[in-house]
C-alpha atoms as a PDB file:
ATOM      1  CA  MET A   1      -6.718 -18.345  -4.177  1.00  0.00           C
ATOM      2  CA  PRO A   2      -8.008 -15.011  -3.039  1.00  0.00           C
ATOM      3  CA  ALA A   3     -11.217 -13.495  -4.163  1.00  0.00           C
ATOM      4  CA  ARG A   4     -10.380 -10.872  -6.957  1.00  0.00           C
ATOM      5  CA  ARG A   5     -12.509  -8.105  -7.951  1.00  0.00           C
ATOM      6  CA  ILE A   6     -11.754  -5.677 -10.856  1.00  0.00           C
ATOM      7  CA  THR A   7     -13.923  -2.659 -11.069  1.00  0.00           C
ATOM      8  CA  ARG A   8     -13.635   0.029 -13.735  1.00  0.00           C
ATOM      9  CA  PHE A   9     -14.643   3.665 -13.415  1.00  0.00           C
ATOM     10  CA  PRO A  10     -14.810   6.491 -15.873  1.00  0.00           C
ATOM     11  CA  SER A  11     -12.455   8.897 -14.043  1.00  0.00           C
ATOM     12  CA  PRO A  12      -9.685   8.920 -11.457  1.00  0.00           C
ATOM     13  CA  ALA A  13     -12.080  10.842  -9.052  1.00  0.00           C
ATOM     14  CA  GLN A  14     -14.474   7.979  -9.087  1.00  0.00           C
ATOM     15  CA  VAL A  15     -11.698   5.452  -8.326  1.00  0.00           C
ATOM     16  CA  SER A  16     -10.736   7.482  -5.314  1.00  0.00           C
ATOM     17  CA  GLN A  17     -14.379   7.789  -4.173  1.00  0.00           C
ATOM     18  CA  ALA A  18     -14.871   3.904  -4.539  1.00  0.00           C
ATOM     19  CA  ALA A  19     -11.609   3.373  -2.481  1.00  0.00           C
ATOM     20  CA  ALA A  20     -12.877   5.885   0.166  1.00  0.00           C
ATOM     21  CA  GLU A  21     -16.083   3.812   0.582  1.00  0.00           C
ATOM     22  CA  ALA A  22     -14.122   0.583   0.671  1.00  0.00           C
ATOM     23  CA  PHE A  23     -11.745   2.123   3.290  1.00  0.00           C
ATOM     24  CA  ILE A  24     -14.794   3.169   5.460  1.00  0.00           C
ATOM     25  CA  ARG A  25     -16.412  -0.237   5.285  1.00  0.00           C
ATOM     26  CA  ILE A  26     -13.178  -2.239   6.089  1.00  0.00           C
ATOM     27  CA  ALA A  27     -12.341   0.064   8.932  1.00  0.00           C
ATOM     28  CA  GLY A  28     -15.750  -0.204  10.359  1.00  0.00           C
ATOM     29  CA  ASP A  29     -15.783  -3.985  10.310  1.00  0.00           C
ATOM     30  CA  ALA A  30     -12.266  -3.994  11.765  1.00  0.00           C
ATOM     31  CA  VAL A  31     -13.045  -1.742  14.682  1.00  0.00           C
ATOM     32  CA  ALA A  32     -16.297  -3.621  15.411  1.00  0.00           C
ATOM     33  CA  LYS A  33     -14.617  -6.985  15.403  1.00  0.00           C
ATOM     34  CA  ARG A  34     -11.203  -6.195  16.822  1.00  0.00           C
ATOM     35  CA  GLY A  35     -11.334  -2.675  18.380  1.00  0.00           C
ATOM     36  CA  ARG A  36      -8.911  -1.225  15.813  1.00  0.00           C
ATOM     37  CA  PHE A  37      -8.018  -0.849  12.228  1.00  0.00           C
ATOM     38  CA  THR A  38      -4.561  -1.339  10.561  1.00  0.00           C
ATOM     39  CA  VAL A  39      -3.887   0.166   7.247  1.00  0.00           C
ATOM     40  CA  VAL A  40      -0.805   0.471   5.032  1.00  0.00           C
ATOM     41  CA  LEU A  41      -0.719   3.803   3.084  1.00  0.00           C
ATOM     42  CA  SER A  42       0.806   4.218  -0.457  1.00  0.00           C
ATOM     43  CA  GLY A  43       2.451   7.054  -2.174  1.00  0.00           C
ATOM     44  CA  GLY A  44       1.429   8.565  -5.509  1.00  0.00           C
ATOM     45  CA  SER A  45      -1.132  11.030  -6.964  1.00  0.00           C
ATOM     46  CA  THR A  46      -3.986   8.536  -6.892  1.00  0.00           C
ATOM     47  CA  PRO A  47      -3.686   7.680  -3.221  1.00  0.00           C
ATOM     48  CA  ARG A  48      -3.333  11.465  -2.626  1.00  0.00           C
ATOM     49  CA  ARG A  49      -6.826  11.954  -4.062  1.00  0.00           C
ATOM     50  CA  LEU A  50      -8.101   9.139  -1.880  1.00  0.00           C
ATOM     51  CA  TYR A  51      -6.559  10.631   1.260  1.00  0.00           C
ATOM     52  CA  GLU A  52      -7.965  14.129   0.496  1.00  0.00           C
ATOM     53  CA  THR A  53     -11.439  12.506  -0.006  1.00  0.00           C
ATOM     54  CA  LEU A  54     -11.207  10.702   3.310  1.00  0.00           C
ATOM     55  CA  ALA A  55     -10.197  13.953   5.073  1.00  0.00           C
ATOM     56  CA  ALA A  56     -13.335  15.783   3.787  1.00  0.00           C
ATOM     57  CA  THR A  57     -16.920  15.397   4.896  1.00  0.00           C
ATOM     58  CA  PRO A  58     -19.007  13.222   4.739  1.00  0.00           C
ATOM     59  CA  TYR A  59     -16.284  10.549   4.522  1.00  0.00           C
ATOM     60  CA  SER A  60     -14.188  11.828   7.579  1.00  0.00           C
ATOM     61  CA  ASP A  61     -17.121  11.545   9.766  1.00  0.00           C
ATOM     62  CA  GLN A  62     -17.559   7.920   9.002  1.00  0.00           C
ATOM     63  CA  VAL A  63     -14.315   6.585  10.469  1.00  0.00           C
ATOM     64  CA  VAL A  64     -13.332   6.332  14.171  1.00  0.00           C
ATOM     65  CA  TRP A  65      -9.901   7.790  13.484  1.00  0.00           C
ATOM     66  CA  GLY A  66      -8.729   7.208  17.111  1.00  0.00           C
ATOM     67  CA  LYS A  67      -8.882   3.408  16.522  1.00  0.00           C
ATOM     68  CA  VAL A  68      -6.691   3.500  13.327  1.00  0.00           C
ATOM     69  CA  GLU A  69      -3.023   2.484  13.102  1.00  0.00           C
ATOM     70  CA  PHE A  70      -1.201   3.844  10.098  1.00  0.00           C
ATOM     71  CA  PHE A  71       1.777   2.178   8.376  1.00  0.00           C
ATOM     72  CA  TRP A  72       3.540   2.586   5.117  1.00  0.00           C
ATOM     73  CA  GLY A  73       4.182   0.323   2.123  1.00  0.00           C
ATOM     74  CA  ASP A  74       7.357   2.090   1.085  1.00  0.00           C
ATOM     75  CA  GLU A  75       9.363   5.152   1.456  1.00  0.00           C
ATOM     76  CA  ARG A  76      12.108   7.039  -0.353  1.00  0.00           C
ATOM     77  CA  ALA A  77      15.485   7.574   1.417  1.00  0.00           C
ATOM     78  CA  VAL A  78      14.489  11.138   2.262  1.00  0.00           C
ATOM     79  CA  PRO A  79      13.582  13.083   5.478  1.00  0.00           C
ATOM     80  CA  PRO A  80       9.946  13.128   6.456  1.00  0.00           C
ATOM     81  CA  ASP A  81       9.648  16.878   5.435  1.00  0.00           C
ATOM     82  CA  HIS A  82      11.051  16.271   1.941  1.00  0.00           C
ATOM     83  CA  PRO A  83       8.749  16.961  -0.931  1.00  0.00           C
ATOM     84  CA  ASP A  84       9.200  13.361  -2.181  1.00  0.00           C
ATOM     85  CA  SER A  85       8.366  11.751   1.132  1.00  0.00           C
ATOM     86  CA  ASN A  86       5.297   9.498   1.039  1.00  0.00           C
ATOM     87  CA  TYR A  87       4.898  10.227   4.706  1.00  0.00           C
ATOM     88  CA  ARG A  88       4.814  13.981   4.029  1.00  0.00           C
ATOM     89  CA  MET A  89       2.149  13.411   1.275  1.00  0.00           C
ATOM     90  CA  ALA A  90       0.010  11.364   3.620  1.00  0.00           C
ATOM     91  CA  HIS A  91       0.284  13.917   6.354  1.00  0.00           C
ATOM     92  CA  GLU A  92      -0.569  16.939   4.034  1.00  0.00           C
ATOM     93  CA  ALA A  93      -3.524  15.146   2.500  1.00  0.00           C
ATOM     94  CA  LEU A  94      -5.042  13.200   5.463  1.00  0.00           C
ATOM     95  CA  LEU A  95      -3.076  12.734   8.774  1.00  0.00           C
ATOM     96  CA  GLY A  96      -2.642  16.480   9.523  1.00  0.00           C
ATOM     97  CA  ARG A  97      -6.493  17.021   8.861  1.00  0.00           C
ATOM     98  CA  ILE A  98      -7.919  14.424  11.165  1.00  0.00           C
ATOM     99  CA  ASP A  99      -7.932  13.981  14.966  1.00  0.00           C
ATOM    100  CA  ILE A 100      -5.307  11.260  15.742  1.00  0.00           C
ATOM    101  CA  ALA A 101      -2.393  10.766  18.165  1.00  0.00           C
ATOM    102  CA  ASP A 102       1.115  10.732  17.138  1.00  0.00           C
ATOM    103  CA  THR A 103       1.366   7.228  18.520  1.00  0.00           C
ATOM    104  CA  GLN A 104      -1.090   6.074  15.840  1.00  0.00           C
ATOM    105  CA  VAL A 105       1.311   7.069  13.013  1.00  0.00           C
ATOM    106  CA  HIS A 106       4.149   4.596  12.160  1.00  0.00           C
ATOM    107  CA  ARG A 107       6.312   6.050   9.457  1.00  0.00           C
ATOM    108  CA  MET A 108       9.208   4.258   7.881  1.00  0.00           C
ATOM    109  CA  PRO A 109      12.637   5.763   9.025  1.00  0.00           C
ATOM    110  CA  ALA A 110      13.918   5.586   5.443  1.00  0.00           C
ATOM    111  CA  GLU A 111      16.167   8.661   5.841  1.00  0.00           C
ATOM    112  CA  ARG A 112      18.573   6.757   8.128  1.00  0.00           C
ATOM    113  CA  LYS A 113      22.042   6.002   6.810  1.00  0.00           C
ATOM    114  CA  ASP A 114      21.979   2.480   8.052  1.00  0.00           C
ATOM    115  CA  ARG A 115      19.356   1.005   5.674  1.00  0.00           C
ATOM    116  CA  GLU A 116      19.357  -2.494   7.068  1.00  0.00           C
ATOM    117  CA  ASP A 117      18.911  -1.286  10.668  1.00  0.00           C
ATOM    118  CA  ALA A 118      16.108   1.049   9.467  1.00  0.00           C
ATOM    119  CA  ALA A 119      14.421  -2.012   7.924  1.00  0.00           C
ATOM    120  CA  TRP A 120      14.740  -4.050  10.928  1.00  0.00           C
ATOM    121  CA  ASP A 121      13.477  -1.464  13.313  1.00  0.00           C
ATOM    122  CA  TYR A 122      10.422  -0.941  11.193  1.00  0.00           C
ATOM    123  CA  GLN A 123       9.816  -4.665  11.335  1.00  0.00           C
ATOM    124  CA  VAL A 124      10.120  -4.459  15.173  1.00  0.00           C
ATOM    125  CA  GLU A 125       7.704  -1.635  15.305  1.00  0.00           C
ATOM    126  CA  ILE A 126       5.160  -3.472  13.291  1.00  0.00           C
ATOM    127  CA  ALA A 127       5.569  -6.487  15.572  1.00  0.00           C
ATOM    128  CA  ARG A 128       5.275  -4.235  18.576  1.00  0.00           C
ATOM    129  CA  VAL A 129       2.008  -2.765  17.538  1.00  0.00           C
ATOM    130  CA  PHE A 130       0.630  -6.318  16.756  1.00  0.00           C
ATOM    131  CA  GLY A 131       2.103  -7.829  19.881  1.00  0.00           C
ATOM    132  CA  VAL A 132       3.995 -10.532  17.979  1.00  0.00           C
ATOM    133  CA  ASP A 133       7.558 -11.783  17.617  1.00  0.00           C
ATOM    134  CA  PRO A 134       9.417  -9.744  14.981  1.00  0.00           C
ATOM    135  CA  ASN A 135      11.368 -12.968  14.176  1.00  0.00           C
ATOM    136  CA  GLY A 136       8.250 -14.958  13.654  1.00  0.00           C
ATOM    137  CA  GLU A 137       5.426 -15.035  11.073  1.00  0.00           C
ATOM    138  CA  PRO A 138       4.095 -11.585   9.910  1.00  0.00           C
ATOM    139  CA  PRO A 139       0.945 -10.326  11.478  1.00  0.00           C
ATOM    140  CA  ARG A 140      -2.347  -9.950   9.575  1.00  0.00           C
ATOM    141  CA  LEU A 141      -3.000  -6.361   8.402  1.00  0.00           C
ATOM    142  CA  ASP A 142      -6.589  -5.201   7.712  1.00  0.00           C
ATOM    143  CA  LEU A 143      -5.933  -3.149   4.598  1.00  0.00           C
ATOM    144  CA  VAL A 144      -3.097  -2.584   2.218  1.00  0.00           C
ATOM    145  CA  LEU A 145      -3.457   0.214  -0.398  1.00  0.00           C
ATOM    146  CA  LEU A 146      -1.070  -0.124  -3.384  1.00  0.00           C
ATOM    147  CA  GLY A 147      -0.399   1.448  -6.721  1.00  0.00           C
ATOM    148  CA  MET A 148       1.130  -0.016  -9.781  1.00  0.00           C
ATOM    149  CA  GLY A 149       3.860   1.588 -11.968  1.00  0.00           C
ATOM    150  CA  ALA A 150       4.020   1.361 -15.828  1.00  0.00           C
ATOM    151  CA  ASP A 151       6.769  -1.107 -15.338  1.00  0.00           C
ATOM    152  CA  GLY A 152       4.671  -3.327 -13.127  1.00  0.00           C
ATOM    153  CA  HIS A 153       6.227  -2.358  -9.752  1.00  0.00           C
ATOM    154  CA  THR A 154       4.278  -2.037  -6.619  1.00  0.00           C
ATOM    155  CA  ALA A 155       5.309  -0.489  -3.275  1.00  0.00           C
ATOM    156  CA  SER A 156       9.165  -0.415  -3.941  1.00  0.00           C
ATOM    157  CA  LEU A 157       9.217  -3.878  -5.254  1.00  0.00           C
ATOM    158  CA  PHE A 158      10.809  -3.247  -8.649  1.00  0.00           C
ATOM    159  CA  PRO A 159      11.215  -5.663 -11.547  1.00  0.00           C
ATOM    160  CA  TYR A 160      14.240  -7.998 -11.202  1.00  0.00           C
ATOM    161  CA  THR A 161      15.335  -6.543  -7.771  1.00  0.00           C
ATOM    162  CA  GLU A 162      16.217  -8.524  -4.627  1.00  0.00           C
ATOM    163  CA  GLY A 163      13.098  -7.361  -2.656  1.00  0.00           C
ATOM    164  CA  ILE A 164      10.692  -9.405  -4.764  1.00  0.00           C
ATOM    165  CA  LYS A 165      12.508 -12.594  -3.780  1.00  0.00           C
ATOM    166  CA  GLU A 166      12.337 -12.033  -0.045  1.00  0.00           C
ATOM    167  CA  GLU A 167      10.757 -14.966   1.847  1.00  0.00           C
ATOM    168  CA  THR A 168      11.275 -14.234   5.385  1.00  0.00           C
ATOM    169  CA  ARG A 169      11.652 -10.482   6.359  1.00  0.00           C
ATOM    170  CA  TRP A 170       8.689  -8.273   6.289  1.00  0.00           C
ATOM    171  CA  VAL A 171      10.696  -5.003   5.506  1.00  0.00           C
ATOM    172  CA  VAL A 172      13.870  -4.651   3.364  1.00  0.00           C
ATOM    173  CA  SER A 173      15.986  -1.899   1.853  1.00  0.00           C
ATOM    174  CA  ASN A 174      15.478  -2.534  -1.853  1.00  0.00           C
ATOM    175  CA  TYR A 175      17.915  -1.140  -4.432  1.00  0.00           C
ATOM    176  CA  ALA A 176      16.298  -0.115  -7.777  1.00  0.00           C
ATOM    177  CA  PRO A 177      19.014   0.071 -10.446  1.00  0.00           C
ATOM    178  CA  LYS A 178      16.858   2.218 -12.894  1.00  0.00           C
ATOM    179  CA  LEU A 179      16.403   4.737 -10.203  1.00  0.00           C
ATOM    180  CA  ASP A 180      19.930   4.290  -8.601  1.00  0.00           C
ATOM    181  CA  SER A 181      18.428   4.463  -5.216  1.00  0.00           C
ATOM    182  CA  TYR A 182      17.413   2.463  -2.135  1.00  0.00           C
ATOM    183  CA  ARG A 183      13.881   2.492  -0.741  1.00  0.00           C
ATOM    184  CA  LEU A 184      12.410   0.802   2.279  1.00  0.00           C
ATOM    185  CA  THR A 185       9.480  -1.409   1.347  1.00  0.00           C
ATOM    186  CA  LEU A 186       7.184  -3.995   2.720  1.00  0.00           C
ATOM    187  CA  THR A 187       7.745  -7.453   1.150  1.00  0.00           C
ATOM    188  CA  PRO A 188       5.597 -10.182  -0.217  1.00  0.00           C
ATOM    189  CA  PRO A 189       5.503 -12.241   3.036  1.00  0.00           C
ATOM    190  CA  ILE A 190       3.716  -9.559   4.975  1.00  0.00           C
ATOM    191  CA  LEU A 191       1.684  -8.240   1.987  1.00  0.00           C
ATOM    192  CA  VAL A 192       0.150 -11.535   1.127  1.00  0.00           C
ATOM    193  CA  ARG A 193      -1.058 -12.000   4.823  1.00  0.00           C
ATOM    194  CA  THR A 194      -3.375  -9.089   4.494  1.00  0.00           C
ATOM    195  CA  ALA A 195      -7.150  -9.247   4.755  1.00  0.00           C
ATOM    196  CA  HIS A 196      -7.706  -6.739   2.011  1.00  0.00           C
ATOM    197  CA  VAL A 197      -5.419  -5.509  -0.666  1.00  0.00           C
ATOM    198  CA  ILE A 198      -6.713  -2.659  -2.878  1.00  0.00           C
ATOM    199  CA  PHE A 199      -4.781  -1.701  -5.902  1.00  0.00           C
ATOM    200  CA  LEU A 200      -5.502   1.838  -7.257  1.00  0.00           C
ATOM    201  CA  VAL A 201      -4.440   2.083 -11.016  1.00  0.00           C
ATOM    202  CA  VAL A 202      -5.269   5.076 -13.352  1.00  0.00           C
ATOM    203  CA  GLY A 203      -4.007   6.348 -16.690  1.00  0.00           C
ATOM    204  CA  GLY A 204      -3.517   4.939 -20.168  1.00  0.00           C
ATOM    205  CA  ASP A 205       0.184   4.671 -19.704  1.00  0.00           C
ATOM    206  CA  LYS A 206      -0.350   1.676 -17.471  1.00  0.00           C
ATOM    207  CA  ALA A 207      -3.026  -0.096 -19.759  1.00  0.00           C
ATOM    208  CA  LYS A 208      -0.507  -2.605 -21.418  1.00  0.00           C
ATOM    209  CA  THR A 209       1.162  -3.519 -18.237  1.00  0.00           C
ATOM    210  CA  LEU A 210      -2.095  -3.844 -16.349  1.00  0.00           C
ATOM    211  CA  ALA A 211      -3.318  -6.324 -19.035  1.00  0.00           C
ATOM    212  CA  GLN A 212      -0.206  -8.298 -18.591  1.00  0.00           C
ATOM    213  CA  VAL A 213      -0.526  -8.329 -14.807  1.00  0.00           C
ATOM    214  CA  LEU A 214      -4.106  -9.357 -14.790  1.00  0.00           C
ATOM    215  CA  GLU A 215      -4.521 -11.559 -17.950  1.00  0.00           C
ATOM    216  CA  GLY A 216      -0.960 -12.696 -18.961  1.00  0.00           C
ATOM    217  CA  PRO A 217       1.193 -15.546 -17.817  1.00  0.00           C
ATOM    218  CA  ILE A 218       2.791 -15.369 -14.323  1.00  0.00           C
ATOM    219  CA  ASP A 219       6.103 -13.540 -14.518  1.00  0.00           C
ATOM    220  CA  SER A 220       6.537 -11.878 -11.170  1.00  0.00           C
ATOM    221  CA  ASN A 221      10.191 -11.079 -11.627  1.00  0.00           C
ATOM    222  CA  ARG A 222       9.240  -8.806 -14.478  1.00  0.00           C
ATOM    223  CA  LEU A 223       5.803  -7.797 -13.053  1.00  0.00           C
ATOM    224  CA  PRO A 224       6.056  -7.777  -9.265  1.00  0.00           C
ATOM    225  CA  ALA A 225       2.468  -6.707  -8.836  1.00  0.00           C
ATOM    226  CA  GLN A 226       1.545 -10.216  -9.691  1.00  0.00           C
ATOM    227  CA  LEU A 227       3.078 -11.350  -6.356  1.00  0.00           C
ATOM    228  CA  ILE A 228       0.498  -9.643  -4.272  1.00  0.00           C
ATOM    229  CA  LYS A 229      -2.283 -12.128  -3.799  1.00  0.00           C
ATOM    230  CA  PRO A 230      -3.584 -12.390  -0.249  1.00  0.00           C
ATOM    231  CA  GLU A 231      -3.454 -15.925   0.917  1.00  0.00           C
ATOM    232  CA  GLU A 232      -6.882 -15.643   2.820  1.00  0.00           C
ATOM    233  CA  GLY A 233      -8.206 -12.342   1.870  1.00  0.00           C
ATOM    234  CA  GLU A 234      -9.697 -10.079  -0.803  1.00  0.00           C
ATOM    235  CA  LEU A 235      -7.907  -8.579  -3.724  1.00  0.00           C
ATOM    236  CA  THR A 236      -9.543  -5.620  -5.292  1.00  0.00           C
ATOM    237  CA  TRP A 237      -8.419  -3.634  -8.479  1.00  0.00           C
ATOM    238  CA  LEU A 238     -10.018  -0.231  -8.827  1.00  0.00           C
ATOM    239  CA  ILE A 239      -9.037   1.209 -12.129  1.00  0.00           C
ATOM    240  CA  ASP A 240     -10.186   3.902 -14.532  1.00  0.00           C
ATOM    241  CA  GLU A 241     -11.186   3.333 -18.148  1.00  0.00           C
ATOM    242  CA  PRO A 242      -7.925   4.408 -19.725  1.00  0.00           C
ATOM    243  CA  ALA A 243      -5.998   1.969 -17.504  1.00  0.00           C
ATOM    244  CA  ALA A 244      -8.501  -0.750 -18.464  1.00  0.00           C
ATOM    245  CA  SER A 245      -8.253  -0.125 -22.113  1.00  0.00           C
ATOM    246  CA  ALA A 246      -6.012  -3.047 -23.068  1.00  0.00           C
ATOM    247  CA  LEU A 247      -8.051  -5.607 -20.909  1.00  0.00           C
ATOM    248  CA  SER A 248      -9.969  -8.325 -22.959  1.00  0.00           C
ATOM    249  CA  GLY A 249     -13.156  -8.154 -21.000  1.00  0.00           C
END
């Protein structure tokens, strides 16, 4: 079982600050040990605050940005310049404000019409960066940043969808009936191989679901966030007090 830490903070801003400090620590360790840091970015308002924090001093000066490889956990089927694009959000909040090369940024090509080809090509891109076989075991990422929806979804692994059942592919095009849309998403096989997973959860609208995910019986079809438990890594939940309000402890 992974080591699991749950830390509460009074405000979303403090959640973002704690996440920034963890990002810096994990990045520094990875660069010192392996010469680079691989991170999976998430969409949403809470990650945006994190990215803006990292892009500003003093935090921005504490990461060797030239050694970071950026990936995404999921993406909507929109062009990269679309307002709903997770890539665009990350670029505006962080990537466009730090000194990195285009080759360090590995965005999901979710706007492509052939969704299955797009998913496979992203799997191939991940494999290329890590120097592994795309048909083999997934590589070990250093850090995955995730959020959780009020329905218990994470990345674009929505309740009762095919993506949560995936056992082999690292990336799939997952259809979400409630949204009537497809999204590219990383899958449990690669997410559980991660050295560090950090969930960022804020807001009272998620309190009941968060309590079910953390303290209730395992029902990952209904609560996909329960699936993401690193096999040999750290699992951290950074949450604000409203999100934590239904927890027993």
